[in-house]
Amino acid sequence: ISHVGDSRAYIFCNHQLIQITEDDTLVNDLVKKGYLTANQAKNHPKKNILSQAVGVTTPLNISFHKYSGDFDALLLCSDGLYNSLNNDEIVEILELTTNVKEKTSTMLQQARMLGGYDNISVLLVEGAEVNE
């Protein structure tokens, strides 16, 4: 997965949601440098300030992430989803015995009910297998 910005990619495997991308934000940079804790970053007033974004910053420092192994689902989402629903709430939805369309719809509806403070975009892929 190639990545720039603050949308995220997650792998869902063994009842766990694993974030595989890092946010390109001012606050995440401060966390990596040790100026803020991850807990402080969650509610920081400048958490949405991007350090780079497609079409805004040049040159881009695109990150690449490789995941090999079996997983139940790949979730790509914008900050409107992960800032509205916590990981446990997302996992609860991913574990439903419904289809991908219904799970995606449930995530969108719950994020909107909880405020949906930003755009809410979700792409869910289930039944994927990665082979080397």
Protein backbone atom coordinates (compact mmCIF):
# COMPACT_ATOMS: atom_id res chain seq x y z
CA ILE A 1 0.00 0.00 0.00
CA SER A 2 1.34 3.42 -0.86
CA HIS A 3 0.24 6.24 1.39
CA VAL A 4 0.22 10.01 1.88
CA GLY A 5 -2.00 12.01 4.25
CA ASP A 6 -4.22 10.97 7.13
CA SER A 7 -6.48 8.35 5.62
CA ARG A 8 -5.56 4.96 7.02
CA ALA A 9 -5.17 1.35 6.01
CA TYR A 10 -5.91 -1.38 8.55
CA ILE A 11 -5.65 -5.14 8.44
CA PHE A 12 -8.30 -7.06 10.37
CA CYS A 13 -6.95 -10.42 11.52
CA ASN A 14 -7.66 -12.72 14.48
CA HIS A 15 -10.20 -10.29 15.97
CA GLN A 16 -7.65 -7.45 15.93
CA LEU A 17 -7.52 -4.22 13.94
CA ILE A 18 -3.93 -3.44 12.97
CA GLN A 19 -3.11 0.02 11.60
CA ILE A 20 -0.52 -0.39 8.84
CA THR A 21 -0.13 3.24 7.72
CA GLU A 22 1.11 6.25 9.68
CA ASP A 23 -0.67 9.59 9.57
CA ASP A 24 1.19 12.43 7.84
CA THR A 25 0.12 15.01 10.41
CA LEU A 26 1.80 17.61 12.58
CA VAL A 27 0.57 15.86 15.72
CA ASN A 28 1.81 12.42 14.62
CA ASP A 29 5.22 13.98 13.91
CA LEU A 30 5.20 15.36 17.47
CA VAL A 31 4.33 11.91 18.85
CA LYS A 32 7.17 10.26 16.88
CA LYS A 33 9.61 12.88 18.22
CA GLY A 34 8.42 12.30 21.81
CA TYR A 35 6.82 15.72 22.39
CA LEU A 36 3.33 14.24 22.78
CA THR A 37 1.98 10.90 23.92
CA ALA A 38 -0.44 8.94 21.75
CA ASN A 39 -3.13 9.69 24.32
CA GLN A 40 -2.47 13.45 24.14
CA ALA A 41 -2.56 13.28 20.34
CA LYS A 42 -6.10 11.84 20.23
CA ASN A 43 -7.69 15.10 21.34
CA HIS A 44 -5.05 17.62 20.27
CA PRO A 45 -6.64 20.69 18.66
CA LYS A 46 -4.20 20.51 15.71
CA LYS A 47 -4.54 16.77 15.01
CA ASN A 48 -5.98 17.43 11.52
CA ILE A 49 -3.10 19.55 10.25
CA LEU A 50 -1.45 17.54 7.47
CA SER A 51 2.31 17.54 7.06
CA GLN A 52 1.88 16.39 3.46
CA ALA A 53 -0.98 15.68 1.08
CA VAL A 54 -1.43 14.85 -2.59
CA GLY A 55 -1.74 18.04 -4.64
CA VAL A 56 -0.62 20.28 -1.78
CA THR A 57 2.99 19.52 -0.94
CA THR A 58 5.88 18.86 -3.26
CA PRO A 59 7.92 16.81 -3.29
CA LEU A 60 5.95 14.05 -1.61
CA ASN A 61 7.56 11.54 0.69
CA ILE A 62 5.29 8.60 -0.16
CA SER A 63 5.37 5.76 2.34
CA PHE A 64 5.01 2.16 1.25
CA HIS A 65 3.71 -0.61 3.47
CA LYS A 66 3.85 -4.30 2.78
CA TYR A 67 1.81 -6.86 4.65
CA SER A 68 2.21 -10.54 3.96
CA GLY A 69 0.10 -13.22 5.50
CA ASP A 70 -3.52 -14.14 5.76
CA PHE A 71 -6.07 -11.64 7.00
CA ASP A 72 -9.83 -11.41 7.25
CA ALA A 73 -10.25 -7.91 5.83
CA LEU A 74 -8.50 -4.82 4.56
CA LEU A 75 -10.06 -1.53 5.68
CA LEU A 76 -9.20 1.79 4.04
CA CYS A 77 -10.83 4.80 5.69
CA SER A 78 -10.66 8.54 6.19
CA ASP A 79 -10.30 10.31 9.51
CA GLY A 80 -14.05 10.88 9.59
CA LEU A 81 -14.42 7.18 10.43
CA TYR A 82 -11.54 6.54 12.83
CA ASN A 83 -12.10 9.81 14.72
CA SER A 84 -15.77 8.88 15.23
CA LEU A 85 -15.48 5.14 15.97
CA ASN A 86 -12.79 3.64 18.15
CA ASN A 87 -11.00 0.41 17.22
CA ASP A 88 -13.25 -1.74 19.41
CA GLU A 89 -16.36 -0.36 17.72
CA ILE A 90 -14.90 -1.01 14.27
CA VAL A 91 -13.90 -4.56 15.27
CA GLU A 92 -17.43 -5.21 16.54
CA ILE A 93 -18.81 -4.25 13.13
CA LEU A 94 -16.19 -6.27 11.22
CA GLU A 95 -17.14 -9.34 13.24
CA LEU A 96 -20.80 -9.16 12.22
CA THR A 97 -22.05 -12.04 10.11
CA THR A 98 -23.32 -9.72 7.40
CA ASN A 99 -21.88 -8.92 3.98
CA VAL A 100 -19.31 -6.24 3.15
CA LYS A 101 -21.92 -3.75 1.95
CA GLU A 102 -23.89 -3.98 5.20
CA LYS A 103 -20.74 -3.70 7.36
CA THR A 104 -19.62 -0.63 5.42
CA SER A 105 -23.07 0.92 5.73
CA THR A 106 -23.12 0.24 9.49
CA MET A 107 -19.73 1.92 9.93
CA LEU A 108 -20.88 4.98 7.98
CA GLN A 109 -24.18 5.22 9.88
CA GLN A 110 -22.55 4.90 13.30
CA ALA A 111 -19.85 7.44 12.45
CA ARG A 112 -22.54 9.91 11.30
CA MET A 113 -24.56 9.32 14.49
CA LEU A 114 -21.47 10.07 16.57
CA GLY A 115 -20.87 13.36 14.83
CA GLY A 116 -18.95 12.50 11.68
CA TYR A 117 -16.76 15.59 12.18
CA ASP A 118 -15.02 15.21 8.84
CA ASN A 119 -15.62 13.42 5.57
CA ILE A 120 -16.33 9.74 6.13
CA SER A 121 -14.94 7.38 3.51
CA VAL A 122 -14.73 3.61 3.86
CA LEU A 123 -13.51 0.83 1.60
CA LEU A 124 -13.70 -2.71 2.96
CA VAL A 125 -12.27 -5.79 1.25
CA GLU A 126 -12.89 -9.22 2.77
CA GLY A 127 -11.63 -12.66 1.89
CA ALA A 128 -8.23 -11.47 0.74
CA GLU A 129 -5.09 -13.56 0.77
CA VAL A 130 -1.56 -12.30 0.19
CA ASN A 131 1.01 -14.63 -1.32
CA GLU A 132 4.69 -13.85 -1.62
